[in-house]
Protein backbone atom coordinates (compact mmCIF):
# COMPACT_ATOMS: atom_id res chain seq x y z
CA MET A 1 48.07 -26.36 4.61
CA GLY A 2 44.55 -27.00 5.85
CA ILE A 3 41.43 -27.51 3.79
CA ASP A 4 40.11 -24.05 4.67
CA LYS A 5 43.24 -22.07 3.74
CA GLU A 6 43.62 -20.15 0.50
CA SER A 7 46.44 -21.04 -1.85
CA GLU A 8 48.23 -19.37 -4.73
CA ILE A 9 48.82 -22.73 -6.45
CA ALA A 10 47.00 -23.19 -9.75
CA ALA A 11 46.24 -26.71 -10.93
CA ASN A 12 44.58 -28.53 -13.79
CA LEU A 13 42.09 -31.27 -12.93
CA GLN A 14 40.91 -34.02 -15.25
CA ILE A 15 38.50 -36.84 -14.40
CA GLY A 16 37.74 -39.84 -16.56
CA PRO A 17 37.71 -43.62 -16.91
CA THR A 18 40.87 -45.65 -17.45
CA SER A 19 41.28 -48.62 -19.79
CA LEU A 20 41.32 -50.87 -16.70
CA GLY A 21 37.83 -49.86 -15.52
CA MET A 22 38.98 -47.42 -12.87
CA VAL A 23 38.08 -43.76 -12.45
CA ARG A 24 41.11 -41.47 -12.57
CA ILE A 25 41.36 -38.04 -11.02
CA TYR A 26 44.45 -36.46 -12.57
CA VAL A 27 45.94 -33.35 -10.99
CA GLU A 28 48.74 -31.36 -12.61
CA ALA A 29 50.33 -28.38 -10.87
CA GLU A 30 53.70 -26.60 -10.91
CA GLY A 31 55.60 -29.44 -12.59
CA MET A 32 53.85 -32.14 -10.54
CA GLU A 33 51.54 -34.82 -11.92
CA LEU A 34 49.30 -36.80 -9.58
CA PRO A 35 47.17 -39.59 -11.04
CA LEU A 36 44.67 -40.96 -8.49
CA ASP A 37 42.78 -44.13 -9.46
CA PHE A 38 39.59 -45.29 -7.76
CA ASP A 39 37.26 -48.19 -8.35
CA PRO A 40 33.77 -47.10 -9.48
CA GLU A 41 32.25 -47.52 -6.00
CA GLU A 42 34.91 -45.32 -4.42
CA ALA A 43 34.40 -42.74 -7.17
CA GLU A 44 30.66 -42.65 -6.39
CA GLU A 45 31.45 -42.08 -2.70
CA ILE A 46 33.77 -39.22 -3.65
CA ALA A 47 31.03 -37.75 -5.86
CA GLU A 48 28.59 -37.87 -2.93
CA GLU A 49 31.14 -36.11 -0.70
CA LEU A 50 31.65 -33.43 -3.36
CA ARG A 51 27.90 -32.84 -3.61
CA ALA A 52 27.57 -32.61 0.18
CA ALA A 53 30.48 -30.16 0.36
CA ALA A 54 28.98 -28.07 -2.46
CA GLU A 55 25.65 -27.93 -0.64
CA ALA A 56 27.37 -26.90 2.61
CA ALA A 57 29.44 -24.25 0.81
CA ARG A 58 26.34 -22.91 -0.92
CA SER A 59 24.63 -22.64 2.45
CA ILE A 60 27.58 -20.74 3.90
CA GLY A 61 27.67 -18.45 0.86
CA GLU A 62 24.00 -17.67 1.31
CA GLY A 63 24.48 -16.69 4.92
CA GLY A 64 23.28 -19.99 6.28
CA SER A 65 19.82 -19.92 4.67
CA LYS A 66 20.01 -23.55 3.57
CA GLY A 67 16.53 -23.94 2.12
CA THR A 68 16.28 -20.64 0.26
CA PRO A 69 17.34 -20.75 -3.39
CA ARG A 70 19.82 -18.11 -4.46
CA LYS A 71 18.74 -15.70 -7.20
CA ARG A 72 20.83 -15.88 -10.37
């Protein structure tokens, strides 16, 4: 499955700190549990990538008009 393919899989996502000072992204889907631990610096890099992807997706959703705010 590629990143741009739709899926019928539903999942729960939780994000929070661990008692060891890590940031955990916890994914639970269809009987599977996937805990992913990152140090704080890695978590900040992931957050930056998420923001960049959200901005790109917003631009695509607006027909490529990157600088024009969408009406809500």
